[in-house]
């Protein structure tokens, strides 16, 4: 588990392990953590060592017609993936186990966080 420097008023809402960001040479070793302020992508190496921690502010998720742009999509290998569209880019994540079920949990949690 990574030690995050959370704000005093920041709380963890959802965590998932065995995540891949779909990049070249990526494996299902990463973690994804949702707080009330940010989405943290913990990028890990082959032996579980932490390579990087990326932070994406939740308030930067695009909203269209009152709905956050957080989508259940398909990876090029036809497995389900979580697609998050931010105001300045996007991120895609695949889940090794229970992919579709976990993605729906993430979509619901982010939607509830942003829309109440």
PDB file of N, CA and C in Angstrom:
ATOM      1  N   UNK A   1       0.846  -1.190   0.000  1.00  0.00           N
ATOM      2  CA  UNK A   1       0.000   0.000   0.000  1.00  0.00           C
ATOM      3  C   UNK A   1       0.882   1.240   0.000  1.00  0.00           C
ATOM      4  N   UNK A   2       0.522   2.177  -0.809  1.00  0.00           N
ATOM      5  CA  UNK A   2       1.255   3.427  -0.935  1.00  0.00           C
ATOM      6  C   UNK A   2       0.798   4.397   0.159  1.00  0.00           C
ATOM      7  N   UNK A   3       1.724   5.211   0.610  1.00  0.00           N
ATOM      8  CA  UNK A   3       1.383   6.253   1.573  1.00  0.00           C
ATOM      9  C   UNK A   3       1.081   7.524   0.790  1.00  0.00           C
ATOM     10  N   UNK A   4      -0.178   7.933   0.814  1.00  0.00           N
ATOM     11  CA  UNK A   4      -0.597   9.152   0.130  1.00  0.00           C
ATOM     12  C   UNK A   4      -0.600  10.302   1.123  1.00  0.00           C
ATOM     13  N   UNK A   5      -0.209  11.457   0.676  1.00  0.00           N
ATOM     14  CA  UNK A   5      -0.275  12.654   1.508  1.00  0.00           C
ATOM     15  C   UNK A   5      -1.626  13.321   1.267  1.00  0.00           C
ATOM     16  N   UNK A   6      -2.631  12.793   1.938  1.00  0.00           N
ATOM     17  CA  UNK A   6      -3.979  13.320   1.768  1.00  0.00           C
ATOM     18  C   UNK A   6      -4.159  14.604   2.552  1.00  0.00           C
ATOM     19  N   UNK A   7      -5.037  15.451   2.038  1.00  0.00           N
ATOM     20  CA  UNK A   7      -5.404  16.665   2.765  1.00  0.00           C
ATOM     21  C   UNK A   7      -6.138  16.254   4.035  1.00  0.00           C
ATOM     22  N   UNK A   8      -6.174  17.128   5.053  1.00  0.00           N
ATOM     23  CA  UNK A   8      -6.886  16.779   6.287  1.00  0.00           C
ATOM     24  C   UNK A   8      -8.363  16.444   6.063  1.00  0.00           C
ATOM     25  N   UNK A   9      -8.977  17.069   5.062  1.00  0.00           N
ATOM     26  CA  UNK A   9     -10.394  16.822   4.793  1.00  0.00           C
ATOM     27  C   UNK A   9     -10.617  15.881   3.604  1.00  0.00           C
ATOM     28  N   UNK A  10      -9.579  15.149   3.210  1.00  0.00           N
ATOM     29  CA  UNK A  10      -9.669  14.225   2.073  1.00  0.00           C
ATOM     30  C   UNK A  10      -9.862  12.802   2.590  1.00  0.00           C
ATOM     31  N   UNK A  11     -10.856  12.103   2.056  1.00  0.00           N
ATOM     32  CA  UNK A  11     -11.179  10.744   2.493  1.00  0.00           C
ATOM     33  C   UNK A  11     -11.185   9.783   1.318  1.00  0.00           C
ATOM     34  N   UNK A  12     -10.751   8.560   1.570  1.00  0.00           N
ATOM     35  CA  UNK A  12     -10.760   7.521   0.541  1.00  0.00           C
ATOM     36  C   UNK A  12     -12.171   6.983   0.396  1.00  0.00           C
ATOM     37  N   UNK A  13     -12.645   6.925  -0.848  1.00  0.00           N
ATOM     38  CA  UNK A  13     -13.986   6.452  -1.152  1.00  0.00           C
ATOM     39  C   UNK A  13     -13.948   5.043  -1.737  1.00  0.00           C
ATOM     40  N   UNK A  14     -12.963   4.780  -2.611  1.00  0.00           N
ATOM     41  CA  UNK A  14     -12.912   3.509  -3.324  1.00  0.00           C
ATOM     42  C   UNK A  14     -11.472   3.198  -3.694  1.00  0.00           C
ATOM     43  N   UNK A  15     -11.096   1.913  -3.601  1.00  0.00           N
ATOM     44  CA  UNK A  15      -9.756   1.475  -3.983  1.00  0.00           C
ATOM     45  C   UNK A  15      -9.874   0.200  -4.803  1.00  0.00           C
ATOM     46  N   UNK A  16      -9.004   0.068  -5.785  1.00  0.00           N
ATOM     47  CA  UNK A  16      -8.930  -1.155  -6.578  1.00  0.00           C
ATOM     48  C   UNK A  16      -7.473  -1.495  -6.848  1.00  0.00           C
ATOM     49  N   UNK A  17      -7.183  -2.786  -6.816  1.00  0.00           N
ATOM     50  CA  UNK A  17      -5.847  -3.286  -7.131  1.00  0.00           C
ATOM     51  C   UNK A  17      -5.918  -4.075  -8.427  1.00  0.00           C
ATOM     52  N   UNK A  18      -4.755  -4.471  -8.920  1.00  0.00           N
ATOM     53  CA  UNK A  18      -4.655  -5.253 -10.151  1.00  0.00           C
ATOM     54  C   UNK A  18      -5.227  -4.495 -11.345  1.00  0.00           C
ATOM     55  N   UNK A  19      -4.749  -3.248 -11.486  1.00  0.00           N
ATOM     56  CA  UNK A  19      -5.178  -2.331 -12.537  1.00  0.00           C
ATOM     57  C   UNK A  19      -4.062  -2.195 -13.565  1.00  0.00           C
ATOM     58  N   UNK A  20      -4.445  -1.989 -14.797  1.00  0.00           N
ATOM     59  CA  UNK A  20      -3.491  -1.672 -15.862  1.00  0.00           C
ATOM     60  C   UNK A  20      -3.942  -0.391 -16.537  1.00  0.00           C
ATOM     61  N   UNK A  21      -2.975   0.465 -16.876  1.00  0.00           N
ATOM     62  CA  UNK A  21      -3.330   1.687 -17.596  1.00  0.00           C
ATOM     63  C   UNK A  21      -3.285   1.483 -19.101  1.00  0.00           C
ATOM     64  N   UNK A  22      -3.044   0.249 -19.519  1.00  0.00           N
ATOM     65  CA  UNK A  22      -3.073  -0.077 -20.933  1.00  0.00           C
ATOM     66  C   UNK A  22      -1.878   0.382 -21.727  1.00  0.00           C
ATOM     67  N   UNK A  23      -0.891   0.950 -21.067  1.00  0.00           N
ATOM     68  CA  UNK A  23       0.298   1.423 -21.769  1.00  0.00           C
ATOM     69  C   UNK A  23       1.175   0.277 -22.236  1.00  0.00           C
ATOM     70  N   UNK A  24       2.147   0.622 -23.038  1.00  0.00           N
ATOM     71  CA  UNK A  24       3.103  -0.354 -23.530  1.00  0.00           C
ATOM     72  C   UNK A  24       3.835  -0.990 -22.355  1.00  0.00           C
ATOM     73  N   UNK A  25       3.901  -2.297 -22.345  1.00  0.00           N
ATOM     74  CA  UNK A  25       4.555  -3.077 -21.286  1.00  0.00           C
ATOM     75  C   UNK A  25       3.893  -2.934 -19.918  1.00  0.00           C
ATOM     76  N   UNK A  26       2.658  -2.508 -19.868  1.00  0.00           N
ATOM     77  CA  UNK A  26       1.984  -2.391 -18.575  1.00  0.00           C
ATOM     78  C   UNK A  26       1.456  -3.758 -18.148  1.00  0.00           C
ATOM     79  N   UNK A  27       1.405  -3.946 -16.857  1.00  0.00           N
ATOM     80  CA  UNK A  27       0.867  -5.179 -16.302  1.00  0.00           C
ATOM     81  C   UNK A  27      -0.245  -4.811 -15.328  1.00  0.00           C
ATOM     82  N   UNK A  28      -0.904  -5.814 -14.784  1.00  0.00           N
ATOM     83  CA  UNK A  28      -1.993  -5.575 -13.837  1.00  0.00           C
ATOM     84  C   UNK A  28      -1.437  -5.492 -12.416  1.00  0.00           C
ATOM     85  N   UNK A  29      -0.510  -4.574 -12.195  1.00  0.00           N
ATOM     86  CA  UNK A  29       0.130  -4.424 -10.882  1.00  0.00           C
ATOM     87  C   UNK A  29      -0.260  -3.117 -10.200  1.00  0.00           C
ATOM     88  N   UNK A  30      -0.900  -2.211 -10.905  1.00  0.00           N
ATOM     89  CA  UNK A  30      -1.163  -0.866 -10.388  1.00  0.00           C
ATOM     90  C   UNK A  30      -2.372  -0.833  -9.452  1.00  0.00           C
ATOM     91  N   UNK A  31      -2.525   0.298  -8.773  1.00  0.00           N
ATOM     92  CA  UNK A  31      -3.676   0.553  -7.912  1.00  0.00           C
ATOM     93  C   UNK A  31      -4.368   1.829  -8.370  1.00  0.00           C
ATOM     94  N   UNK A  32      -5.669   1.904  -8.108  1.00  0.00           N
ATOM     95  CA  UNK A  32      -6.457   3.090  -8.393  1.00  0.00           C
ATOM     96  C   UNK A  32      -7.204   3.445  -7.114  1.00  0.00           C
ATOM     97  N   UNK A  33      -7.110   4.704  -6.705  1.00  0.00           N
ATOM     98  CA  UNK A  33      -7.716   5.146  -5.453  1.00  0.00           C
ATOM     99  C   UNK A  33      -8.531   6.406  -5.722  1.00  0.00           C
ATOM    100  N   UNK A  34      -9.787   6.392  -5.293  1.00  0.00           N
ATOM    101  CA  UNK A  34     -10.670   7.547  -5.430  1.00  0.00           C
ATOM    102  C   UNK A  34     -10.861   8.178  -4.056  1.00  0.00           C
ATOM    103  N   UNK A  35     -10.620   9.484  -3.978  1.00  0.00           N
ATOM    104  CA  UNK A  35     -10.932  10.233  -2.766  1.00  0.00           C
ATOM    105  C   UNK A  35     -11.990  11.274  -3.130  1.00  0.00           C
ATOM    106  N   UNK A  36     -12.417  12.033  -2.156  1.00  0.00           N
ATOM    107  CA  UNK A  36     -13.406  13.069  -2.442  1.00  0.00           C
ATOM    108  C   UNK A  36     -12.813  14.237  -3.221  1.00  0.00           C
ATOM    109  N   UNK A  37     -11.488  14.262  -3.431  1.00  0.00           N
ATOM    110  CA  UNK A  37     -10.852  15.325  -4.209  1.00  0.00           C
ATOM    111  C   UNK A  37     -10.088  14.846  -5.439  1.00  0.00           C
ATOM    112  N   UNK A  38      -9.576  13.633  -5.405  1.00  0.00           N
ATOM    113  CA  UNK A  38      -8.659  13.183  -6.455  1.00  0.00           C
ATOM    114  C   UNK A  38      -8.846  11.716  -6.814  1.00  0.00           C
ATOM    115  N   UNK A  39      -8.326  11.383  -7.985  1.00  0.00           N
ATOM    116  CA  UNK A  39      -8.140   9.999  -8.388  1.00  0.00           C
ATOM    117  C   UNK A  39      -6.626   9.797  -8.422  1.00  0.00           C
ATOM    118  N   UNK A  40      -6.139   8.802  -7.676  1.00  0.00           N
ATOM    119  CA  UNK A  40      -4.715   8.494  -7.638  1.00  0.00           C
ATOM    120  C   UNK A  40      -4.472   7.207  -8.420  1.00  0.00           C
ATOM    121  N   UNK A  41      -3.524   7.271  -9.331  1.00  0.00           N
ATOM    122  CA  UNK A  41      -3.073   6.083 -10.061  1.00  0.00           C
ATOM    123  C   UNK A  41      -1.684   5.755  -9.531  1.00  0.00           C
ATOM    124  N   UNK A  42      -1.568   4.633  -8.838  1.00  0.00           N
ATOM    125  CA  UNK A  42      -0.293   4.197  -8.275  1.00  0.00           C
ATOM    126  C   UNK A  42       0.313   3.208  -9.261  1.00  0.00           C
ATOM    127  N   UNK A  43       1.356   3.646  -9.948  1.00  0.00           N
ATOM    128  CA  UNK A  43       2.030   2.839 -10.964  1.00  0.00           C
ATOM    129  C   UNK A  43       3.139   2.038 -10.293  1.00  0.00           C
ATOM    130  N   UNK A  44       3.054   0.701 -10.445  1.00  0.00           N
ATOM    131  CA  UNK A  44       4.009  -0.177  -9.790  1.00  0.00           C
ATOM    132  C   UNK A  44       4.827  -0.946 -10.815  1.00  0.00           C
ATOM    133  N   UNK A  45       6.014  -1.337 -10.398  1.00  0.00           N
ATOM    134  CA  UNK A  45       6.892  -2.143 -11.227  1.00  0.00           C
ATOM    135  C   UNK A  45       6.546  -3.616 -11.110  1.00  0.00           C
ATOM    136  N   UNK A  46       7.321  -4.443 -11.802  1.00  0.00           N
ATOM    137  CA  UNK A  46       7.064  -5.883 -11.828  1.00  0.00           C
ATOM    138  C   UNK A  46       7.123  -6.528 -10.447  1.00  0.00           C
ATOM    139  N   UNK A  47       7.942  -6.020  -9.564  1.00  0.00           N
ATOM    140  CA  UNK A  47       8.113  -6.624  -8.248  1.00  0.00           C
ATOM    141  C   UNK A  47       7.344  -5.877  -7.163  1.00  0.00           C
ATOM    142  N   UNK A  48       6.378  -5.051  -7.557  1.00  0.00           N
ATOM    143  CA  UNK A  48       5.532  -4.341  -6.612  1.00  0.00           C
ATOM    144  C   UNK A  48       6.092  -3.033  -6.097  1.00  0.00           C
ATOM    145  N   UNK A  49       7.270  -2.651  -6.587  1.00  0.00           N
ATOM    146  CA  UNK A  49       7.837  -1.370  -6.158  1.00  0.00           C
ATOM    147  C   UNK A  49       7.078  -0.219  -6.819  1.00  0.00           C
ATOM    148  N   UNK A  50       6.884   0.865  -6.082  1.00  0.00           N
ATOM    149  CA  UNK A  50       6.140   2.014  -6.587  1.00  0.00           C
ATOM    150  C   UNK A  50       7.040   2.842  -7.491  1.00  0.00           C
ATOM    151  N   UNK A  51       6.614   2.999  -8.734  1.00  0.00           N
ATOM    152  CA  UNK A  51       7.378   3.783  -9.700  1.00  0.00           C
ATOM    153  C   UNK A  51       6.930   5.246  -9.695  1.00  0.00           C
ATOM    154  N   UNK A  52       5.622   5.456  -9.727  1.00  0.00           N
ATOM    155  CA  UNK A  52       5.058   6.812  -9.759  1.00  0.00           C
ATOM    156  C   UNK A  52       3.675   6.814  -9.124  1.00  0.00           C
ATOM    157  N   UNK A  53       3.284   7.969  -8.624  1.00  0.00           N
ATOM    158  CA  UNK A  53       1.910   8.187  -8.164  1.00  0.00           C
ATOM    159  C   UNK A  53       1.386   9.393  -8.934  1.00  0.00           C
ATOM    160  N   UNK A  54       0.342   9.162  -9.719  1.00  0.00           N
ATOM    161  CA  UNK A  54      -0.260  10.227 -10.514  1.00  0.00           C
ATOM    162  C   UNK A  54      -1.550  10.661  -9.828  1.00  0.00           C
ATOM    163  N   UNK A  55      -1.773  11.971  -9.796  1.00  0.00           N
ATOM    164  CA  UNK A  55      -2.955  12.526  -9.142  1.00  0.00           C
ATOM    165  C   UNK A  55      -3.776  13.289 -10.171  1.00  0.00           C
ATOM    166  N   UNK A  56      -5.062  12.948 -10.243  1.00  0.00           N
ATOM    167  CA  UNK A  56      -5.980  13.609 -11.158  1.00  0.00           C
ATOM    168  C   UNK A  56      -7.126  14.212 -10.344  1.00  0.00           C
ATOM    169  N   UNK A  57      -7.254  15.537 -10.325  1.00  0.00           N
ATOM    170  CA  UNK A  57      -8.351  16.163  -9.573  1.00  0.00           C
ATOM    171  C   UNK A  57      -9.713  15.753 -10.135  1.00  0.00           C
ATOM    172  N   UNK A  58     -10.588  15.335  -9.253  1.00  0.00           N
ATOM    173  CA  UNK A  58     -11.924  14.898  -9.664  1.00  0.00           C
ATOM    174  C   UNK A  58     -12.698  16.051 -10.282  1.00  0.00           C
ATOM    175  N   UNK A  59     -12.453  17.278  -9.815  1.00  0.00           N
ATOM    176  CA  UNK A  59     -13.196  18.417 -10.363  1.00  0.00           C
ATOM    177  C   UNK A  59     -12.768  18.765 -11.791  1.00  0.00           C
ATOM    178  N   UNK A  60     -11.787  18.050 -12.338  1.00  0.00           N
ATOM    179  CA  UNK A  60     -11.371  18.244 -13.727  1.00  0.00           C
ATOM    180  C   UNK A  60     -12.023  17.256 -14.686  1.00  0.00           C
ATOM    181  N   UNK A  61     -12.875  16.344 -14.162  1.00  0.00           N
ATOM    182  CA  UNK A  61     -13.610  15.412 -15.024  1.00  0.00           C
ATOM    183  C   UNK A  61     -14.633  16.217 -15.822  1.00  0.00           C
ATOM    184  N   UNK A  62     -14.665  15.975 -17.121  1.00  0.00           N
ATOM    185  CA  UNK A  62     -15.634  16.678 -17.972  1.00  0.00           C
ATOM    186  C   UNK A  62     -17.056  16.284 -17.601  1.00  0.00           C
ATOM    187  N   UNK A  63     -17.952  17.253 -17.700  1.00  0.00           N
ATOM    188  CA  UNK A  63     -19.378  17.041 -17.462  1.00  0.00           C
ATOM    189  C   UNK A  63     -20.110  17.392 -18.751  1.00  0.00           C
ATOM    190  N   UNK A  64     -20.976  16.501 -19.210  1.00  0.00           N
ATOM    191  CA  UNK A  64     -21.786  16.769 -20.396  1.00  0.00           C
ATOM    192  C   UNK A  64     -23.236  16.428 -20.064  1.00  0.00           C
ATOM    193  N   UNK A  65     -24.139  17.381 -20.282  1.00  0.00           N
ATOM    194  CA  UNK A  65     -25.563  17.213 -19.956  1.00  0.00           C
ATOM    195  C   UNK A  65     -25.757  16.738 -18.522  1.00  0.00           C
ATOM    196  N   UNK A  66     -24.963  17.277 -17.609  1.00  0.00           N
ATOM    197  CA  UNK A  66     -25.100  16.938 -16.204  1.00  0.00           C
ATOM    198  C   UNK A  66     -24.488  15.609 -15.804  1.00  0.00           C
ATOM    199  N   UNK A  67     -23.851  14.905 -16.724  1.00  0.00           N
ATOM    200  CA  UNK A  67     -23.266  13.599 -16.440  1.00  0.00           C
ATOM    201  C   UNK A  67     -21.750  13.642 -16.587  1.00  0.00           C
ATOM    202  N   UNK A  68     -21.019  13.141 -15.601  1.00  0.00           N
ATOM    203  CA  UNK A  68     -19.562  13.064 -15.726  1.00  0.00           C
ATOM    204  C   UNK A  68     -19.173  12.128 -16.868  1.00  0.00           C
ATOM    205  N   UNK A  69     -18.139  12.467 -17.564  1.00  0.00           N
ATOM    206  CA  UNK A  69     -17.675  11.650 -18.678  1.00  0.00           C
ATOM    207  C   UNK A  69     -16.773  10.532 -18.155  1.00  0.00           C
ATOM    208  N   UNK A  70     -17.404   9.572 -17.513  1.00  0.00           N
ATOM    209  CA  UNK A  70     -16.780   8.375 -16.964  1.00  0.00           C
ATOM    210  C   UNK A  70     -17.559   7.215 -17.567  1.00  0.00           C
ATOM    211  N   UNK A  71     -16.894   6.420 -18.404  1.00  0.00           N
ATOM    212  CA  UNK A  71     -17.601   5.506 -19.289  1.00  0.00           C
ATOM    213  C   UNK A  71     -17.050   4.089 -19.183  1.00  0.00           C
ATOM    214  N   UNK A  72     -17.938   3.120 -19.306  1.00  0.00           N
ATOM    215  CA  UNK A  72     -17.550   1.719 -19.473  1.00  0.00           C
ATOM    216  C   UNK A  72     -17.269   1.518 -20.952  1.00  0.00           C
ATOM    217  N   UNK A  73     -16.001   1.378 -21.287  1.00  0.00           N
ATOM    218  CA  UNK A  73     -15.603   1.213 -22.676  1.00  0.00           C
ATOM    219  C   UNK A  73     -15.015  -0.157 -22.912  1.00  0.00           C
ATOM    220  N   UNK A  74     -14.420  -0.320 -24.095  1.00  0.00           N
ATOM    221  CA  UNK A  74     -13.784  -1.585 -24.452  1.00  0.00           C
ATOM    222  C   UNK A  74     -12.346  -1.348 -24.858  1.00  0.00           C
ATOM    223  N   UNK A  75     -11.468  -2.163 -24.294  1.00  0.00           N
ATOM    224  CA  UNK A  75     -10.060  -2.163 -24.675  1.00  0.00           C
ATOM    225  C   UNK A  75      -9.961  -2.776 -26.071  1.00  0.00           C
ATOM    226  N   UNK A  76      -8.846  -2.579 -26.763  1.00  0.00           N
ATOM    227  CA  UNK A  76      -8.705  -3.137 -28.108  1.00  0.00           C
ATOM    228  C   UNK A  76      -8.753  -4.659 -28.109  1.00  0.00           C
ATOM    229  N   UNK A  77      -8.526  -5.300 -26.938  1.00  0.00           N
ATOM    230  CA  UNK A  77      -8.653  -6.755 -26.865  1.00  0.00           C
ATOM    231  C   UNK A  77     -10.070  -7.170 -26.454  1.00  0.00           C
ATOM    232  N   UNK A  78     -11.017  -6.240 -26.491  1.00  0.00           N
ATOM    233  CA  UNK A  78     -12.440  -6.427 -26.174  1.00  0.00           C
ATOM    234  C   UNK A  78     -12.741  -6.614 -24.691  1.00  0.00           C
ATOM    235  N   UNK A  79     -11.766  -6.454 -23.821  1.00  0.00           N
ATOM    236  CA  UNK A  79     -12.052  -6.506 -22.389  1.00  0.00           C
ATOM    237  C   UNK A  79     -12.586  -5.138 -21.956  1.00  0.00           C
ATOM    238  N   UNK A  80     -13.401  -5.092 -20.895  1.00  0.00           N
ATOM    239  CA  UNK A  80     -13.955  -3.806 -20.458  1.00  0.00           C
ATOM    240  C   UNK A  80     -12.866  -2.911 -19.880  1.00  0.00           C
ATOM    241  N   UNK A  81     -13.043  -1.607 -20.062  1.00  0.00           N
ATOM    242  CA  UNK A  81     -12.105  -0.651 -19.470  1.00  0.00           C
ATOM    243  C   UNK A  81     -12.856   0.574 -18.982  1.00  0.00           C
ATOM    244  N   UNK A  82     -12.295   1.198 -17.949  1.00  0.00           N
ATOM    245  CA  UNK A  82     -12.818   2.436 -17.403  1.00  0.00           C
ATOM    246  C   UNK A  82     -12.197   3.584 -18.178  1.00  0.00           C
ATOM    247  N   UNK A  83     -13.031   4.436 -18.753  1.00  0.00           N
ATOM    248  CA  UNK A  83     -12.561   5.597 -19.509  1.00  0.00           C
ATOM    249  C   UNK A  83     -12.987   6.851 -18.751  1.00  0.00           C
ATOM    250  N   UNK A  84     -11.993   7.663 -18.395  1.00  0.00           N
ATOM    251  CA  UNK A  84     -12.259   8.907 -17.676  1.00  0.00           C
ATOM    252  C   UNK A  84     -11.753  10.061 -18.537  1.00  0.00           C
ATOM    253  N   UNK A  85     -12.640  10.985 -18.877  1.00  0.00           N
ATOM    254  CA  UNK A  85     -12.290  12.125 -19.717  1.00  0.00           C
ATOM    255  C   UNK A  85     -12.174  13.372 -18.851  1.00  0.00           C
ATOM    256  N   UNK A  86     -10.993  13.957 -18.865  1.00  0.00           N
ATOM    257  CA  UNK A  86     -10.709  15.160 -18.096  1.00  0.00           C
ATOM    258  C   UNK A  86     -10.729  16.368 -19.025  1.00  0.00           C
ATOM    259  N   UNK A  87     -10.734  17.556 -18.458  1.00  0.00           N
ATOM    260  CA  UNK A  87     -10.740  18.772 -19.253  1.00  0.00           C
ATOM    261  C   UNK A  87      -9.481  18.909 -20.098  1.00  0.00           C
ATOM    262  N   UNK A  88      -8.414  18.245 -19.688  1.00  0.00           N
ATOM    263  CA  UNK A  88      -7.162  18.362 -20.453  1.00  0.00           C
ATOM    264  C   UNK A  88      -6.599  17.002 -20.873  1.00  0.00           C
ATOM    265  N   UNK A  89      -7.467  16.017 -21.091  1.00  0.00           N
ATOM    266  CA  UNK A  89      -6.993  14.710 -21.546  1.00  0.00           C
ATOM    267  C   UNK A  89      -7.911  13.594 -21.080  1.00  0.00           C
ATOM    268  N   UNK A  90      -7.401  12.389 -21.146  1.00  0.00           N
ATOM    269  CA  UNK A  90      -8.185  11.231 -20.732  1.00  0.00           C
ATOM    270  C   UNK A  90      -7.261  10.140 -20.203  1.00  0.00           C
ATOM    271  N   UNK A  91      -7.855   9.211 -19.444  1.00  0.00           N
ATOM    272  CA  UNK A  91      -7.133   8.056 -18.932  1.00  0.00           C
ATOM    273  C   UNK A  91      -8.025   6.840 -19.082  1.00  0.00           C
ATOM    274  N   UNK A  92      -7.410   5.725 -19.434  1.00  0.00           N
ATOM    275  CA  UNK A  92      -8.125   4.461 -19.560  1.00  0.00           C
ATOM    276  C   UNK A  92      -7.491   3.458 -18.605  1.00  0.00           C
ATOM    277  N   UNK A  93      -8.331   2.676 -17.911  1.00  0.00           N
ATOM    278  CA  UNK A  93      -7.848   1.673 -16.969  1.00  0.00           C
ATOM    279  C   UNK A  93      -8.577   0.361 -17.190  1.00  0.00           C
ATOM    280  N   UNK A  94      -7.820  -0.733 -17.158  1.00  0.00           N
ATOM    281  CA  UNK A  94      -8.383  -2.075 -17.229  1.00  0.00           C
ATOM    282  C   UNK A  94      -8.210  -2.742 -15.878  1.00  0.00           C
ATOM    283  N   UNK A  95      -9.173  -3.591 -15.521  1.00  0.00           N
ATOM    284  CA  UNK A  95      -9.171  -4.289 -14.245  1.00  0.00           C
ATOM    285  C   UNK A  95      -8.991  -5.776 -14.520  1.00  0.00           C
ATOM    286  N   UNK A  96      -8.060  -6.415 -13.804  1.00  0.00           N
ATOM    287  CA  UNK A  96      -7.755  -7.809 -14.083  1.00  0.00           C
ATOM    288  C   UNK A  96      -8.890  -8.748 -13.677  1.00  0.00           C
ATOM    289  N   UNK A  97      -9.483  -8.515 -12.516  1.00  0.00           N
ATOM    290  CA  UNK A  97     -10.542  -9.381 -12.007  1.00  0.00           C
ATOM    291  C   UNK A  97     -11.837  -8.581 -11.896  1.00  0.00           C
ATOM    292  N   UNK A  98     -12.970  -9.217 -12.160  1.00  0.00           N
ATOM    293  CA  UNK A  98     -14.284  -8.564 -12.018  1.00  0.00           C
ATOM    294  C   UNK A  98     -14.329  -7.216 -12.717  1.00  0.00           C
ATOM    295  N   UNK A  99     -13.733  -7.132 -13.893  1.00  0.00           N
ATOM    296  CA  UNK A  99     -13.576  -5.865 -14.596  1.00  0.00           C
ATOM    297  C   UNK A  99     -14.836  -5.054 -14.731  1.00  0.00           C
ATOM    298  N   UNK A 100     -15.848  -5.630 -15.341  1.00  0.00           N
ATOM    299  CA  UNK A 100     -17.071  -4.867 -15.599  1.00  0.00           C
ATOM    300  C   UNK A 100     -17.737  -4.433 -14.296  1.00  0.00           C
ATOM    301  N   UNK A 101     -17.775  -5.312 -13.323  1.00  0.00           N
ATOM    302  CA  UNK A 101     -18.405  -5.006 -12.033  1.00  0.00           C
ATOM    303  C   UNK A 101     -17.670  -3.865 -11.326  1.00  0.00           C
ATOM    304  N   UNK A 102     -16.338  -3.927 -11.287  1.00  0.00           N
ATOM    305  CA  UNK A 102     -15.567  -2.863 -10.634  1.00  0.00           C
ATOM    306  C   UNK A 102     -15.674  -1.550 -11.379  1.00  0.00           C
ATOM    307  N   UNK A 103     -15.700  -1.604 -12.695  1.00  0.00           N
ATOM    308  CA  UNK A 103     -15.818  -0.380 -13.489  1.00  0.00           C
ATOM    309  C   UNK A 103     -17.139   0.316 -13.198  1.00  0.00           C
ATOM    310  N   UNK A 104     -18.211  -0.456 -13.112  1.00  0.00           N
ATOM    311  CA  UNK A 104     -19.517   0.124 -12.787  1.00  0.00           C
ATOM    312  C   UNK A 104     -19.479   0.766 -11.403  1.00  0.00           C
ATOM    313  N   UNK A 105     -18.783   0.142 -10.436  1.00  0.00           N
ATOM    314  CA  UNK A 105     -18.642   0.739  -9.097  1.00  0.00           C
ATOM    315  C   UNK A 105     -17.918   2.083  -9.194  1.00  0.00           C
ATOM    316  N   UNK A 106     -16.852   2.134 -10.008  1.00  0.00           N
ATOM    317  CA  UNK A 106     -16.101   3.381 -10.174  1.00  0.00           C
ATOM    318  C   UNK A 106     -16.959   4.458 -10.835  1.00  0.00           C
ATOM    319  N   UNK A 107     -17.696   4.088 -11.857  1.00  0.00           N
ATOM    320  CA  UNK A 107     -18.562   5.055 -12.545  1.00  0.00           C
ATOM    321  C   UNK A 107     -19.591   5.613 -11.576  1.00  0.00           C
ATOM    322  N   UNK A 108     -20.220   4.726 -10.803  1.00  0.00           N
ATOM    323  CA  UNK A 108     -21.237   5.170  -9.850  1.00  0.00           C
ATOM    324  C   UNK A 108     -20.646   6.057  -8.759  1.00  0.00           C
ATOM    325  N   UNK A 109     -19.465   5.699  -8.249  1.00  0.00           N
ATOM    326  CA  UNK A 109     -18.838   6.493  -7.183  1.00  0.00           C
ATOM    327  C   UNK A 109     -18.432   7.879  -7.673  1.00  0.00           C
ATOM    328  N   UNK A 110     -17.854   7.950  -8.854  1.00  0.00           N
ATOM    329  CA  UNK A 110     -17.443   9.251  -9.399  1.00  0.00           C
ATOM    330  C   UNK A 110     -18.670  10.094  -9.731  1.00  0.00           C
ATOM    331  N   UNK A 111     -19.692   9.474 -10.304  1.00  0.00           N
ATOM    332  CA  UNK A 111     -20.919  10.198 -10.641  1.00  0.00           C
ATOM    333  C   UNK A 111     -21.575  10.757  -9.373  1.00  0.00           C
ATOM    334  N   UNK A 112     -21.666   9.934  -8.336  1.00  0.00           N
ATOM    335  CA  UNK A 112     -22.266  10.392  -7.080  1.00  0.00           C
ATOM    336  C   UNK A 112     -21.439  11.525  -6.472  1.00  0.00           C
ATOM    337  N   UNK A 113     -20.140  11.399  -6.534  1.00  0.00           N
ATOM    338  CA  UNK A 113     -19.255  12.431  -5.984  1.00  0.00           C
ATOM    339  C   UNK A 113     -19.439  13.766  -6.695  1.00  0.00           C
ATOM    340  N   UNK A 114     -19.591  13.734  -8.010  1.00  0.00           N
ATOM    341  CA  UNK A 114     -19.664  14.969  -8.789  1.00  0.00           C
ATOM    342  C   UNK A 114     -21.072  15.544  -8.927  1.00  0.00           C
ATOM    343  N   UNK A 115     -22.073  14.688  -8.807  1.00  0.00           N
ATOM    344  CA  UNK A 115     -23.436  15.184  -9.029  1.00  0.00           C
ATOM    345  C   UNK A 115     -24.310  15.136  -7.780  1.00  0.00           C
ATOM    346  N   UNK A 116     -23.803  14.498  -6.731  1.00  0.00           N
ATOM    347  CA  UNK A 116     -24.571  14.439  -5.475  1.00  0.00           C
ATOM    348  C   UNK A 116     -25.518  13.378  -5.489  1.00  0.00           C
TER     349      UNK A 116
END
